Amino acid sequence: MKSMLTDSDYFAIGSLHVKIHACEVFLKSALDFGLSSKTHGSSTAQKLTLGQLIAALKKKVEVHQALKDLLSRFLQSRNDFAHNISKIPGVDFGTEQGVNNLREFLESLDEDTDVVLNVFAAVMYRWQKLNFPDFESEPEAKQILDKTFALHGSNLDQYFSIRSEVLEPKKNSNKKKKR
């Protein structure tokens, strides 16, 4: 059966793959820096899968229901998209209705990806303001971050609460380990 996908469908699929990857990288940075007292150093989250990353996030912060629902839906949709696109319910590349169902799925996943990106952009912006208040970004970037923070910054407390043990610096022990 011949595929009913158009060039714009293929473009949308490829673009969404790139956007989701960027979202995952951004989430890893937010986990390593924006939701901890860390200001530099190597990343511990860089090798985690998206599911492991969300589990690690839940260990660092108390995730509220609105964000749990979003992340759960995002993870499931992302996994279906990345691993089983042809098995998404209602998707059939050979029929007009099946392709329309795919387009609706892609649009929904794209919207969820935008919200996840914006929420964690607000986290990173808050972290940057707290840790590097004199940092000056490009005017265009600052405008985008200010807008993102205005939309989501005030809602961060509705999405999660940082656990107190995450923000407390680890005590440095001067004791030498025995070999």
Protein backbone atom coordinates (compact mmCIF):
# COMPACT_ATOMS: atom_id res chain seq x y z
CA MET A 1 0.00 0.00 0.00
CA LYS A 2 1.33 3.40 -0.97
CA SER A 3 2.01 5.91 1.81
CA MET A 4 -0.23 8.98 1.96
CA LEU A 5 2.43 10.99 3.82
CA THR A 6 3.46 14.26 2.19
CA ASP A 7 6.81 16.03 2.23
CA SER A 8 5.48 18.33 4.94
CA ASP A 9 4.57 15.27 7.06
CA TYR A 10 8.12 13.97 6.74
CA PHE A 11 9.44 17.41 7.61
CA ALA A 12 7.15 17.58 10.68
CA ILE A 13 8.33 14.13 11.84
CA GLY A 14 12.02 15.04 11.42
CA SER A 15 11.61 18.45 13.07
CA LEU A 16 9.79 16.93 16.01
CA HIS A 17 12.56 14.34 16.47
CA VAL A 18 15.10 17.16 16.71
CA LYS A 19 12.89 19.20 19.05
CA ILE A 20 12.31 16.25 21.38
CA HIS A 21 16.03 15.53 21.50
CA ALA A 22 16.69 19.17 22.40
CA CYS A 23 14.01 18.90 25.09
CA GLU A 24 15.70 15.82 26.57
CA VAL A 25 19.09 17.55 26.63
CA PHE A 26 17.51 20.59 28.23
CA LEU A 27 15.79 18.45 30.88
CA LYS A 28 19.14 16.88 31.72
CA SER A 29 20.69 20.31 32.20
CA ALA A 30 17.79 21.43 34.37
CA LEU A 31 18.14 18.32 36.49
CA ASP A 32 21.89 18.76 36.88
CA PHE A 33 21.90 22.49 37.51
CA GLY A 34 18.51 24.19 37.77
CA LEU A 35 17.17 21.81 40.40
CA SER A 36 20.30 21.53 42.52
CA SER A 37 22.84 23.72 44.20
CA LYS A 38 25.40 22.82 41.53
CA THR A 39 26.83 25.67 39.44
CA HIS A 40 29.39 23.84 37.31
CA GLY A 41 31.01 20.48 36.73
CA SER A 42 30.31 17.31 34.87
CA SER A 43 26.82 16.08 34.31
CA THR A 44 25.39 13.06 36.05
CA ALA A 45 22.16 13.03 34.04
CA GLN A 46 23.59 13.05 30.52
CA LYS A 47 23.41 9.28 30.00
CA LEU A 48 19.91 8.75 31.39
CA THR A 49 16.97 7.75 29.22
CA LEU A 50 13.95 10.03 29.34
CA GLY A 51 12.15 7.64 31.70
CA GLN A 52 15.17 7.45 34.02
CA LEU A 53 15.48 11.22 33.86
CA ILE A 54 11.89 11.71 34.96
CA ALA A 55 12.42 9.19 37.79
CA ALA A 56 15.56 11.11 38.87
CA LEU A 57 13.57 14.35 38.73
CA LYS A 58 10.97 12.83 41.06
CA LYS A 59 13.76 11.96 43.53
CA LYS A 60 15.06 15.53 43.52
CA VAL A 61 11.73 17.32 43.69
CA GLU A 62 8.21 16.68 44.85
CA VAL A 63 6.45 16.59 41.48
CA HIS A 64 2.90 17.88 41.65
CA GLN A 65 0.06 16.20 39.78
CA ALA A 66 -0.14 18.68 36.88
CA LEU A 67 3.50 18.11 35.99
CA LYS A 68 3.24 14.34 36.64
CA ASP A 69 0.40 14.15 34.14
CA LEU A 70 2.28 16.22 31.56
CA LEU A 71 5.53 14.26 31.94
CA SER A 72 3.72 10.92 31.85
CA ARG A 73 1.85 11.85 28.67
CA PHE A 74 5.03 13.33 27.15
CA LEU A 75 7.06 10.21 27.94
CA GLN A 76 4.43 7.82 26.54
CA SER A 77 3.90 9.89 23.40
CA ARG A 78 7.63 10.36 22.89
CA ASN A 79 8.24 6.62 23.23
CA ASP A 80 5.39 5.78 20.85
CA PHE A 81 6.74 8.36 18.40
CA ALA A 82 10.36 7.21 18.64
CA HIS A 83 9.84 3.46 18.80
CA ASN A 84 6.38 2.55 17.48
CA ILE A 85 5.10 5.32 15.23
CA SER A 86 3.28 2.90 12.94
CA LYS A 87 1.55 1.26 15.92
CA ILE A 88 0.02 4.43 17.36
CA PRO A 89 -3.74 3.78 17.58
CA GLY A 90 -5.53 5.09 14.51
CA VAL A 91 -2.34 5.73 12.54
CA ASP A 92 -2.22 4.20 9.08
CA PHE A 93 0.19 5.62 6.52
CA GLY A 94 -1.93 4.23 3.70
CA THR A 95 -5.20 6.03 4.45
CA GLU A 96 -6.15 9.67 4.61
CA GLN A 97 -7.81 9.22 8.02
CA GLY A 98 -4.79 7.34 9.37
CA VAL A 99 -2.45 10.12 8.24
CA ASN A 100 -4.79 12.73 9.76
CA ASN A 101 -4.64 10.79 13.03
CA LEU A 102 -0.85 10.88 12.83
CA ARG A 103 -0.92 14.63 12.25
CA GLU A 104 -3.14 15.12 15.32
CA PHE A 105 -0.78 12.97 17.38
CA LEU A 106 2.25 14.95 16.17
CA GLU A 107 0.54 18.26 16.94
CA SER A 108 -0.33 17.10 20.47
CA LEU A 109 3.20 15.83 21.11
CA ASP A 110 4.64 19.07 19.72
CA GLU A 111 2.45 21.10 22.11
CA ASP A 112 3.49 18.96 25.09
CA THR A 113 7.14 19.31 24.07
CA ASP A 114 6.74 23.10 24.00
CA VAL A 115 5.27 23.15 27.50
CA VAL A 116 7.99 20.86 28.89
CA LEU A 117 10.67 23.02 27.26
CA ASN A 118 9.12 26.22 28.59
CA VAL A 119 8.70 24.93 32.14
CA PHE A 120 12.30 23.80 32.34
CA ALA A 121 13.51 26.95 30.57
CA ALA A 122 11.87 28.84 33.42
CA VAL A 123 13.67 26.56 35.91
CA MET A 124 17.01 27.25 34.24
CA TYR A 125 16.31 30.97 34.03
CA ARG A 126 15.50 31.10 37.76
CA TRP A 127 18.70 29.11 38.47
CA GLN A 128 20.77 31.46 36.31
CA LYS A 129 19.32 34.54 38.01
CA LEU A 130 20.09 33.10 41.47
CA ASN A 131 23.59 31.86 40.69
CA PHE A 132 24.79 34.36 38.11
CA PRO A 133 22.74 37.54 38.64
CA ASP A 134 25.17 39.69 36.65
CA PHE A 135 25.17 37.43 33.61
CA GLU A 136 24.14 39.31 30.50
CA SER A 137 22.63 37.40 27.62
CA GLU A 138 21.92 38.55 24.11
CA PRO A 139 18.90 40.90 24.03
CA GLU A 140 16.88 38.48 21.89
CA ALA A 141 17.60 35.56 24.23
CA LYS A 142 16.77 37.66 27.27
CA GLN A 143 13.48 38.69 25.68
CA ILE A 144 12.55 35.04 25.02
CA LEU A 145 13.58 33.95 28.53
CA ASP A 146 11.73 36.84 30.15
CA LYS A 147 8.58 35.89 28.22
CA THR A 148 8.99 32.20 29.12
CA PHE A 149 9.58 33.01 32.78
CA ALA A 150 6.58 35.36 32.79
CA LEU A 151 4.41 32.53 31.45
CA HIS A 152 5.74 29.68 33.59
CA GLY A 153 7.94 31.08 36.37
CA SER A 154 5.07 31.91 38.67
CA ASN A 155 3.69 28.40 38.14
CA LEU A 156 6.86 26.52 39.04
CA ASP A 157 5.64 25.97 42.58
CA GLN A 158 2.48 24.38 41.15
CA TYR A 159 4.59 21.89 39.21
CA PHE A 160 7.06 20.82 41.87
CA SER A 161 8.70 21.63 45.19
CA ILE A 162 12.43 21.21 45.58
CA ARG A 163 13.27 18.77 48.36
CA SER A 164 15.34 20.45 51.07
CA GLU A 165 18.12 17.86 50.95
CA VAL A 166 18.76 18.74 47.30
CA LEU A 167 19.59 22.36 48.05
CA GLU A 168 21.79 21.71 51.07
CA PRO A 169 25.46 21.54 50.09
CA LYS A 170 27.16 18.28 50.94
CA LYS A 171 29.53 18.55 53.86
CA ASN A 172 33.11 18.06 52.79
CA SER A 173 34.84 15.60 55.03
CA ASN A 174 38.59 15.97 55.51
CA LYS A 175 38.95 12.38 56.65
CA LYS A 176 41.20 10.28 54.49
CA LYS A 177 39.86 6.97 53.30
CA LYS A 178 41.75 3.87 54.36
CA ARG A 179 42.94 1.68 51.57
